[in-house]
C-alpha atoms as a PDB file:
ATOM      1  CA  UNK A   1      65.453 -82.017  34.022  1.00  0.00           C
ATOM      2  CA  UNK A   2      62.763 -85.035  33.691  1.00  0.00           C
ATOM      3  CA  UNK A   3      62.922 -87.242  30.198  1.00  0.00           C
ATOM      4  CA  UNK A   4      60.226 -87.387  27.641  1.00  0.00           C
ATOM      5  CA  UNK A   5      58.298 -89.724  27.710  1.00  0.00           C
ATOM      6  CA  UNK A   6      58.018 -91.798  25.640  1.00  0.00           C
ATOM      7  CA  UNK A   7      55.071 -91.890  22.559  1.00  0.00           C
ATOM      8  CA  UNK A   8      52.556 -94.700  22.854  1.00  0.00           C
ATOM      9  CA  UNK A   9      50.511 -96.597  20.620  1.00  0.00           C
ATOM     10  CA  UNK A  10      46.919 -95.040  20.259  1.00  0.00           C
ATOM     11  CA  UNK A  11      45.597 -98.472  21.863  1.00  0.00           C
ATOM     12  CA  UNK A  12      41.554-100.446  20.235  1.00  0.00           C
ATOM     13  CA  UNK A  13      40.285 -99.415  23.458  1.00  0.00           C
ATOM     14  CA  UNK A  14      40.778 -95.634  23.050  1.00  0.00           C
ATOM     15  CA  UNK A  15      39.400 -96.331  19.454  1.00  0.00           C
ATOM     16  CA  UNK A  16      36.619 -97.685  20.640  1.00  0.00           C
ATOM     17  CA  UNK A  17      36.006 -95.130  23.842  1.00  0.00           C
ATOM     18  CA  UNK A  18      36.368 -92.274  20.865  1.00  0.00           C
ATOM     19  CA  UNK A  19      32.084 -93.027  20.088  1.00  0.00           C
ATOM     20  CA  UNK A  20      30.705 -90.326  19.850  1.00  0.00           C
ATOM     21  CA  UNK A  21      33.540 -87.795  20.807  1.00  0.00           C
ATOM     22  CA  UNK A  22      35.931 -86.026  18.907  1.00  0.00           C
ATOM     23  CA  UNK A  23      36.062 -87.382  15.716  1.00  0.00           C
ATOM     24  CA  UNK A  24      38.213 -90.091  14.396  1.00  0.00           C
ATOM     25  CA  UNK A  25      41.312 -89.353  11.992  1.00  0.00           C
ATOM     26  CA  UNK A  26      42.394 -91.748   9.742  1.00  0.00           C
ATOM     27  CA  UNK A  27      44.169 -92.308   5.979  1.00  0.00           C
ATOM     28  CA  UNK A  28      45.449 -94.994   4.637  1.00  0.00           C
ATOM     29  CA  UNK A  29      49.898 -96.077   4.072  1.00  0.00           C
ATOM     30  CA  UNK A  30      51.537 -98.490   2.240  1.00  0.00           C
ATOM     31  CA  UNK A  31      55.697 -97.491   2.968  1.00  0.00           C
ATOM     32  CA  UNK A  32      57.353 -96.260   6.144  1.00  0.00           C
ATOM     33  CA  UNK A  33      57.860 -93.245   4.605  1.00  0.00           C
ATOM     34  CA  UNK A  34      54.260 -91.489   4.014  1.00  0.00           C
ATOM     35  CA  UNK A  35      53.561 -93.649   7.019  1.00  0.00           C
ATOM     36  CA  UNK A  36      55.725 -91.604   9.426  1.00  0.00           C
ATOM     37  CA  UNK A  37      54.273 -88.127   8.290  1.00  0.00           C
ATOM     38  CA  UNK A  38      50.862 -89.568   8.788  1.00  0.00           C
ATOM     39  CA  UNK A  39      51.795 -90.994  12.025  1.00  0.00           C
ATOM     40  CA  UNK A  40      51.945 -87.555  13.442  1.00  0.00           C
ATOM     41  CA  UNK A  41      47.784 -86.634  13.049  1.00  0.00           C
ATOM     42  CA  UNK A  42      45.893 -89.471  12.227  1.00  0.00           C
ATOM     43  CA  UNK A  43      44.992 -92.206  14.709  1.00  0.00           C
ATOM     44  CA  UNK A  44      45.098 -95.099  13.347  1.00  0.00           C
ATOM     45  CA  UNK A  45      46.259 -95.793   9.446  1.00  0.00           C
ATOM     46  CA  UNK A  46      44.780 -98.597   7.191  1.00  0.00           C
ATOM     47  CA  UNK A  47      47.403-100.828   4.937  1.00  0.00           C
ATOM     48  CA  UNK A  48      43.903-101.108   3.156  1.00  0.00           C
ATOM     49  CA  UNK A  49      44.408-103.709  -0.216  1.00  0.00           C
ATOM     50  CA  UNK A  50      43.594-100.301  -2.008  1.00  0.00           C
ATOM     51  CA  UNK A  51      47.461-100.958  -2.191  1.00  0.00           C
ATOM     52  CA  UNK A  52      46.909-103.392  -5.005  1.00  0.00           C
ATOM     53  CA  UNK A  53      45.682-100.870  -7.353  1.00  0.00           C
ATOM     54  CA  UNK A  54      47.288 -97.519  -5.767  1.00  0.00           C
ATOM     55  CA  UNK A  55      50.896 -99.487  -5.717  1.00  0.00           C
ATOM     56  CA  UNK A  56      50.687-102.138  -8.220  1.00  0.00           C
ATOM     57  CA  UNK A  57      48.170-101.131 -11.057  1.00  0.00           C
ATOM     58  CA  UNK A  58      45.320-103.750 -10.387  1.00  0.00           C
ATOM     59  CA  UNK A  59      42.150-103.030 -11.404  1.00  0.00           C
ATOM     60  CA  UNK A  60      40.561-104.332  -8.223  1.00  0.00           C
ATOM     61  CA  UNK A  61      41.668-105.630  -4.703  1.00  0.00           C
ATOM     62  CA  UNK A  62      40.664-108.615  -5.458  1.00  0.00           C
ATOM     63  CA  UNK A  63      43.993-109.985  -6.394  1.00  0.00           C
ATOM     64  CA  UNK A  64      45.486-109.078  -3.321  1.00  0.00           C
ATOM     65  CA  UNK A  65      47.747-111.220  -1.092  1.00  0.00           C
ATOM     66  CA  UNK A  66      48.159-112.180   2.693  1.00  0.00           C
ATOM     67  CA  UNK A  67      52.558-111.575   1.127  1.00  0.00           C
ATOM     68  CA  UNK A  68      51.267-108.601  -0.156  1.00  0.00           C
ATOM     69  CA  UNK A  69      49.677-107.107   3.025  1.00  0.00           C
ATOM     70  CA  UNK A  70      52.535-108.566   5.752  1.00  0.00           C
ATOM     71  CA  UNK A  71      54.989-106.876   3.473  1.00  0.00           C
ATOM     72  CA  UNK A  72      53.142-103.931   3.694  1.00  0.00           C
ATOM     73  CA  UNK A  73      51.774-103.763   6.846  1.00  0.00           C
ATOM     74  CA  UNK A  74      55.651-103.736   8.051  1.00  0.00           C
ATOM     75  CA  UNK A  75      56.731-101.012   6.778  1.00  0.00           C
ATOM     76  CA  UNK A  76      54.214 -99.110   7.850  1.00  0.00           C
ATOM     77  CA  UNK A  77      54.824-100.706  11.381  1.00  0.00           C
ATOM     78  CA  UNK A  78      58.298 -99.731  10.831  1.00  0.00           C
ATOM     79  CA  UNK A  79      57.916 -96.225   9.832  1.00  0.00           C
ATOM     80  CA  UNK A  80      55.187 -95.159  12.449  1.00  0.00           C
ATOM     81  CA  UNK A  81      55.323 -94.561  16.790  1.00  0.00           C
ATOM     82  CA  UNK A  82      51.502 -93.396  18.185  1.00  0.00           C
ATOM     83  CA  UNK A  83      48.468 -94.349  15.570  1.00  0.00           C
ATOM     84  CA  UNK A  84      46.844 -97.107  15.902  1.00  0.00           C
ATOM     85  CA  UNK A  85      48.051 -99.149  12.690  1.00  0.00           C
ATOM     86  CA  UNK A  86      45.051-101.611  11.561  1.00  0.00           C
ATOM     87  CA  UNK A  87      45.808-104.147   7.915  1.00  0.00           C
ATOM     88  CA  UNK A  88      43.656-105.503   5.650  1.00  0.00           C
ATOM     89  CA  UNK A  89      42.590-109.207   5.335  1.00  0.00           C
ATOM     90  CA  UNK A  90      42.697-109.746   1.860  1.00  0.00           C
ATOM     91  CA  UNK A  91      39.725-111.720  -0.223  1.00  0.00           C
ATOM     92  CA  UNK A  92      40.093-115.286   0.032  1.00  0.00           C
ATOM     93  CA  UNK A  93      42.425-115.186   3.492  1.00  0.00           C
ATOM     94  CA  UNK A  94      38.758-114.556   5.774  1.00  0.00           C
ATOM     95  CA  UNK A  95      35.411-116.126   4.196  1.00  0.00           C
ATOM     96  CA  UNK A  96      35.659-119.861   4.075  1.00  0.00           C
ATOM     97  CA  UNK A  97      35.763-120.480   8.258  1.00  0.00           C
ATOM     98  CA  UNK A  98      36.414-118.580  11.069  1.00  0.00           C
ATOM     99  CA  UNK A  99      39.869-121.341  11.519  1.00  0.00           C
ATOM    100  CA  UNK A 100      41.226-119.850   8.652  1.00  0.00           C
ATOM    101  CA  UNK A 101      40.226-116.342   9.199  1.00  0.00           C
ATOM    102  CA  UNK A 102      42.631-117.074  12.229  1.00  0.00           C
ATOM    103  CA  UNK A 103      45.510-118.422  11.131  1.00  0.00           C
ATOM    104  CA  UNK A 104      45.969-116.109   8.554  1.00  0.00           C
ATOM    105  CA  UNK A 105      44.666-112.734  10.916  1.00  0.00           C
ATOM    106  CA  UNK A 106      47.280-114.638  13.508  1.00  0.00           C
ATOM    107  CA  UNK A 107      50.100-115.096  10.932  1.00  0.00           C
ATOM    108  CA  UNK A 108      49.382-110.969   9.501  1.00  0.00           C
ATOM    109  CA  UNK A 109      49.357-109.466  13.130  1.00  0.00           C
ATOM    110  CA  UNK A 110      52.891-111.723  14.691  1.00  0.00           C
ATOM    111  CA  UNK A 111      54.418-111.002  11.522  1.00  0.00           C
ATOM    112  CA  UNK A 112      54.023-107.347  10.999  1.00  0.00           C
ATOM    113  CA  UNK A 113      52.887-106.195  15.003  1.00  0.00           C
ATOM    114  CA  UNK A 114      49.993-104.394  14.029  1.00  0.00           C
ATOM    115  CA  UNK A 115      47.427-103.712  16.271  1.00  0.00           C
ATOM    116  CA  UNK A 116      44.128-104.637  14.861  1.00  0.00           C
ATOM    117  CA  UNK A 117      42.472-106.303  11.341  1.00  0.00           C
ATOM    118  CA  UNK A 118      39.958-105.440   9.081  1.00  0.00           C
ATOM    119  CA  UNK A 119      38.155-107.518   7.370  1.00  0.00           C
ATOM    120  CA  UNK A 120      34.513-106.700   4.800  1.00  0.00           C
ATOM    121  CA  UNK A 121      30.829-108.135   5.609  1.00  0.00           C
ATOM    122  CA  UNK A 122      27.810-108.005   7.867  1.00  0.00           C
ATOM    123  CA  UNK A 123      25.934-110.065   8.991  1.00  0.00           C
ATOM    124  CA  UNK A 124      27.402-112.609   7.031  1.00  0.00           C
ATOM    125  CA  UNK A 125      31.188-112.625   8.815  1.00  0.00           C
ATOM    126  CA  UNK A 126      29.587-111.874  12.181  1.00  0.00           C
ATOM    127  CA  UNK A 127      30.155-115.481  13.674  1.00  0.00           C
ATOM    128  CA  UNK A 128      34.163-114.721  12.071  1.00  0.00           C
ATOM    129  CA  UNK A 129      34.897-111.478  14.005  1.00  0.00           C
ATOM    130  CA  UNK A 130      33.269-113.507  17.042  1.00  0.00           C
ATOM    131  CA  UNK A 131      35.731-115.957  16.663  1.00  0.00           C
ATOM    132  CA  UNK A 132      38.349-114.039  15.813  1.00  0.00           C
ATOM    133  CA  UNK A 133      37.829-111.320  18.647  1.00  0.00           C
ATOM    134  CA  UNK A 134      37.637-114.323  20.794  1.00  0.00           C
ATOM    135  CA  UNK A 135      40.843-115.432  20.569  1.00  0.00           C
ATOM    136  CA  UNK A 136      42.905-111.481  20.992  1.00  0.00           C
ATOM    137  CA  UNK A 137      42.576-110.887  17.358  1.00  0.00           C
ATOM    138  CA  UNK A 138      40.866-106.896  16.785  1.00  0.00           C
ATOM    139  CA  UNK A 139      38.875-106.766  14.122  1.00  0.00           C
ATOM    140  CA  UNK A 140      37.921-103.684  12.629  1.00  0.00           C
ATOM    141  CA  UNK A 141      34.771-104.658   9.949  1.00  0.00           C
ATOM    142  CA  UNK A 142      33.296-103.274   7.547  1.00  0.00           C
ATOM    143  CA  UNK A 143      29.865-102.424   5.107  1.00  0.00           C
ATOM    144  CA  UNK A 144      28.156-100.791   2.376  1.00  0.00           C
ATOM    145  CA  UNK A 145      30.222-101.347  -0.601  1.00  0.00           C
ATOM    146  CA  UNK A 146      32.635-103.656  -0.012  1.00  0.00           C
ATOM    147  CA  UNK A 147      35.092-103.312  -2.846  1.00  0.00           C
ATOM    148  CA  UNK A 148      36.255-107.238  -2.645  1.00  0.00           C
ATOM    149  CA  UNK A 149      32.687-107.587  -3.757  1.00  0.00           C
ATOM    150  CA  UNK A 150      32.059-105.746  -6.716  1.00  0.00           C
ATOM    151  CA  UNK A 151      32.533-108.855  -8.956  1.00  0.00           C
ATOM    152  CA  UNK A 152      28.591-109.668  -7.209  1.00  0.00           C
ATOM    153  CA  UNK A 153      28.018-106.196  -7.081  1.00  0.00           C
ATOM    154  CA  UNK A 154      28.323-105.299 -10.339  1.00  0.00           C
ATOM    155  CA  UNK A 155      31.035-102.091  -9.036  1.00  0.00           C
ATOM    156  CA  UNK A 156      31.316 -99.525  -7.232  1.00  0.00           C
ATOM    157  CA  UNK A 157      28.014 -98.734  -6.839  1.00  0.00           C
ATOM    158  CA  UNK A 158      26.857 -96.216  -4.450  1.00  0.00           C
ATOM    159  CA  UNK A 159      24.585 -98.103  -1.437  1.00  0.00           C
ATOM    160  CA  UNK A 160      21.093 -97.232   0.246  1.00  0.00           C
ATOM    161  CA  UNK A 161      19.714 -95.437  -2.771  1.00  0.00           C
ATOM    162  CA  UNK A 162      16.231 -96.983  -2.101  1.00  0.00           C
ATOM    163  CA  UNK A 163      15.390 -97.232   1.429  1.00  0.00           C
ATOM    164  CA  UNK A 164      14.152-100.253   1.048  1.00  0.00           C
ATOM    165  CA  UNK A 165      17.649-101.824   1.734  1.00  0.00           C
ATOM    166  CA  UNK A 166      18.218 -99.780   4.539  1.00  0.00           C
ATOM    167  CA  UNK A 167      17.213-102.886   7.451  1.00  0.00           C
ATOM    168  CA  UNK A 168      19.503-104.550   5.471  1.00  0.00           C
ATOM    169  CA  UNK A 169      22.680-102.624   6.110  1.00  0.00           C
ATOM    170  CA  UNK A 170      21.617-101.895   9.829  1.00  0.00           C
ATOM    171  CA  UNK A 171      21.308-105.225  10.400  1.00  0.00           C
ATOM    172  CA  UNK A 172      24.981-105.357   8.933  1.00  0.00           C
ATOM    173  CA  UNK A 173      26.019-102.531  11.422  1.00  0.00           C
ATOM    174  CA  UNK A 174      24.368-104.283  14.543  1.00  0.00           C
ATOM    175  CA  UNK A 175      25.872-108.108  13.611  1.00  0.00           C
ATOM    176  CA  UNK A 176      29.315-107.051  13.728  1.00  0.00           C
ATOM    177  CA  UNK A 177      28.012-104.288  17.195  1.00  0.00           C
ATOM    178  CA  UNK A 178      27.570-107.498  18.734  1.00  0.00           C
ATOM    179  CA  UNK A 179      29.970-109.650  17.784  1.00  0.00           C
ATOM    180  CA  UNK A 180      32.698-107.874  19.282  1.00  0.00           C
ATOM    181  CA  UNK A 181      33.350-105.322  16.523  1.00  0.00           C
ATOM    182  CA  UNK A 182      35.537-102.199  17.974  1.00  0.00           C
ATOM    183  CA  UNK A 183      35.146-100.000  15.129  1.00  0.00           C
ATOM    184  CA  UNK A 184      33.312-100.077  11.516  1.00  0.00           C
ATOM    185  CA  UNK A 185      33.961 -98.726   8.452  1.00  0.00           C
ATOM    186  CA  UNK A 186      31.048 -97.608   6.298  1.00  0.00           C
ATOM    187  CA  UNK A 187      31.696 -96.835   2.471  1.00  0.00           C
ATOM    188  CA  UNK A 188      30.036 -95.771  -0.571  1.00  0.00           C
ATOM    189  CA  UNK A 189      25.915 -94.874   1.449  1.00  0.00           C
ATOM    190  CA  UNK A 190      23.993 -92.406   0.566  1.00  0.00           C
ATOM    191  CA  UNK A 191      24.077 -90.153   4.009  1.00  0.00           C
ATOM    192  CA  UNK A 192      20.700 -90.213   5.501  1.00  0.00           C
ATOM    193  CA  UNK A 193      21.919 -94.442   5.974  1.00  0.00           C
ATOM    194  CA  UNK A 194      25.136 -93.354   7.455  1.00  0.00           C
ATOM    195  CA  UNK A 195      24.147 -90.983  10.277  1.00  0.00           C
ATOM    196  CA  UNK A 196      20.914 -93.656  11.664  1.00  0.00           C
ATOM    197  CA  UNK A 197      23.567 -96.545  11.706  1.00  0.00           C
ATOM    198  CA  UNK A 198      26.130 -94.392  13.428  1.00  0.00           C
ATOM    199  CA  UNK A 199      22.915 -93.614  15.909  1.00  0.00           C
ATOM    200  CA  UNK A 200      21.759 -97.037  15.916  1.00  0.00           C
ATOM    201  CA  UNK A 201      25.133 -98.860  17.145  1.00  0.00           C
ATOM    202  CA  UNK A 202      27.370 -98.349  19.588  1.00  0.00           C
ATOM    203  CA  UNK A 203      30.685 -98.725  17.877  1.00  0.00           C
ATOM    204  CA  UNK A 204      33.208 -95.822  16.219  1.00  0.00           C
ATOM    205  CA  UNK A 205      31.388 -95.784  12.864  1.00  0.00           C
ATOM    206  CA  UNK A 206      34.250 -94.844   9.962  1.00  0.00           C
ATOM    207  CA  UNK A 207      32.974 -92.883   6.836  1.00  0.00           C
ATOM    208  CA  UNK A 208      34.561 -92.846   3.152  1.00  0.00           C
ATOM    209  CA  UNK A 209      31.450 -91.625   0.583  1.00  0.00           C
ATOM    210  CA  UNK A 210      29.321 -91.868   3.703  1.00  0.00           C
ATOM    211  CA  UNK A 211      27.907 -89.261   6.357  1.00  0.00           C
ATOM    212  CA  UNK A 212      29.787 -86.214   8.103  1.00  0.00           C
ATOM    213  CA  UNK A 213      27.888 -87.581  11.085  1.00  0.00           C
ATOM    214  CA  UNK A 214      29.996 -91.020  10.978  1.00  0.00           C
ATOM    215  CA  UNK A 215      33.003 -91.006  13.735  1.00  0.00           C
ATOM    216  CA  UNK A 216      35.181 -91.107  11.746  1.00  0.00           C
ATOM    217  CA  UNK A 217      36.459 -90.547   8.060  1.00  0.00           C
ATOM    218  CA  UNK A 218      39.413 -92.664   6.176  1.00  0.00           C
ATOM    219  CA  UNK A 219      40.447 -91.638   3.185  1.00  0.00           C
ATOM    220  CA  UNK A 220      42.848 -93.428   0.750  1.00  0.00           C
ATOM    221  CA  UNK A 221      45.864 -91.338   0.966  1.00  0.00           C
ATOM    222  CA  UNK A 222      46.666 -91.199  -2.565  1.00  0.00           C
ATOM    223  CA  UNK A 223      43.268 -90.061  -3.676  1.00  0.00           C
ATOM    224  CA  UNK A 224      43.540 -87.261  -1.099  1.00  0.00           C
ATOM    225  CA  UNK A 225      46.824 -86.162  -2.497  1.00  0.00           C
ATOM    226  CA  UNK A 226      46.160 -85.457  -6.071  1.00  0.00           C
ATOM    227  CA  UNK A 227      47.988 -88.793  -6.892  1.00  0.00           C
ATOM    228  CA  UNK A 228      44.754 -90.300  -8.387  1.00  0.00           C
ATOM    229  CA  UNK A 229      43.644 -89.125 -12.168  1.00  0.00           C
ATOM    230  CA  UNK A 230      39.961 -90.342 -11.388  1.00  0.00           C
ATOM    231  CA  UNK A 231      39.256 -89.804  -7.941  1.00  0.00           C
ATOM    232  CA  UNK A 232      35.651 -90.983  -6.915  1.00  0.00           C
ATOM    233  CA  UNK A 233      33.283 -88.212  -6.102  1.00  0.00           C
ATOM    234  CA  UNK A 234      33.888 -88.729  -2.284  1.00  0.00           C
ATOM    235  CA  UNK A 235      36.950 -87.521  -2.126  1.00  0.00           C
ATOM    236  CA  UNK A 236      38.283 -83.753  -1.186  1.00  0.00           C
ATOM    237  CA  UNK A 237      42.082 -83.062  -2.612  1.00  0.00           C
ATOM    238  CA  UNK A 238      44.166 -81.746   0.027  1.00  0.00           C
ATOM    239  CA  UNK A 239      47.403 -81.422  -2.450  1.00  0.00           C
ATOM    240  CA  UNK A 240      48.089 -81.607  -6.049  1.00  0.00           C
ATOM    241  CA  UNK A 241      51.258 -83.932  -5.605  1.00  0.00           C
ATOM    242  CA  UNK A 242      50.556 -86.106  -9.533  1.00  0.00           C
ATOM    243  CA  UNK A 243      51.522 -82.245 -10.839  1.00  0.00           C
ATOM    244  CA  UNK A 244      54.409 -81.662  -9.072  1.00  0.00           C
ATOM    245  CA  UNK A 245      55.922 -85.049  -8.297  1.00  0.00           C
ATOM    246  CA  UNK A 246      55.962 -84.761 -12.951  1.00  0.00           C
ATOM    247  CA  UNK A 247      57.243 -81.075 -13.410  1.00  0.00           C
ATOM    248  CA  UNK A 248      60.082 -82.268 -11.071  1.00  0.00           C
ATOM    249  CA  UNK A 249      60.808 -85.828 -12.943  1.00  0.00           C
ATOM    250  CA  UNK A 250      60.108 -83.321 -16.189  1.00  0.00           C
ATOM    251  CA  UNK A 251      63.027 -80.515 -15.073  1.00  0.00           C
ATOM    252  CA  UNK A 252      65.474 -83.622 -13.656  1.00  0.00           C
ATOM    253  CA  UNK A 253      65.520 -85.644 -17.019  1.00  0.00           C
ATOM    254  CA  UNK A 254      65.879 -82.192 -18.911  1.00  0.00           C
ATOM    255  CA  UNK A 255      68.560 -81.066 -16.630  1.00  0.00           C
ATOM    256  CA  UNK A 256      70.379 -84.800 -17.007  1.00  0.00           C
ATOM    257  CA  UNK A 257      70.384 -84.456 -20.840  1.00  0.00           C
ATOM    258  CA  UNK A 258      71.882 -80.854 -21.610  1.00  0.00           C
ATOM    259  CA  UNK A 259      74.240 -82.706 -18.702  1.00  0.00           C
ATOM    260  CA  UNK A 260      73.685 -79.909 -16.190  1.00  0.00           C
ATOM    261  CA  UNK A 261      73.048 -82.542 -13.944  1.00  0.00           C
ATOM    262  CA  UNK A 262      75.394 -83.515 -11.941  1.00  0.00           C
ATOM    263  CA  UNK A 263      76.711 -80.570 -10.972  1.00  0.00           C
ATOM    264  CA  UNK A 264      79.707 -78.912  -9.072  1.00  0.00           C
ATOM    265  CA  UNK A 265      77.306 -79.287  -5.951  1.00  0.00           C
ATOM    266  CA  UNK A 266      76.480 -82.538  -6.565  1.00  0.00           C
ATOM    267  CA  UNK A 267      80.032 -84.390  -7.418  1.00  0.00           C
ATOM    268  CA  UNK A 268      82.977 -85.606  -5.243  1.00  0.00           C
ATOM    269  CA  UNK A 269      86.523 -83.241  -6.119  1.00  0.00           C
END
């Protein structure tokens, strides 16, 4: 009887090769137990800086620190065997210079044992992406609506409503492709622009609030599970865990108050 083959992680070249093929499945995760579930179905898992809002109650991603990303990144890697793990580089850890970006990206890679990092920005970050890739750090880019720049943008605003801006976003996509990014998240852009970007570049596009014609899709796990009371328009809610959790906690509280819990089944005799 032959031994079962070990599970091997999906690699960066395998994700890159999915351009134009079977759509790439992705979700965020921030802790080991949810990552273990997502791992069965996702091609890559993003440890996103959205954890600042989802896990820590922040109003934006700007306050997320490198240590926070590393802590959650370690947890996700521990809980997974199959999916490629990508960790976000938080605001202020890569913009100053390519050298600064390399030091922080190398720390993320060595301390979490993830397989890639993600950073926001198009043409303005091309030099940094090239610097990292040349030194052995795979990079996923992120263009369109970039949450770390919402203070400049004036909020979470859909991009590309004015067709005159399309060339800028397409140039961003081409710049990160030429710099060596293996994939690019396209967030919060109008559908025809996302479709055009996907058609014009040679790396996979990962849509979030973009187009079904992107090469893959990503959502924040807690959004699609119904844990966000005000999910963005682009989110489809696939579960209602918020209500389930509240009902369970309410039932527990009632049983504690009535002394119905713990019962004999939960008591050592």
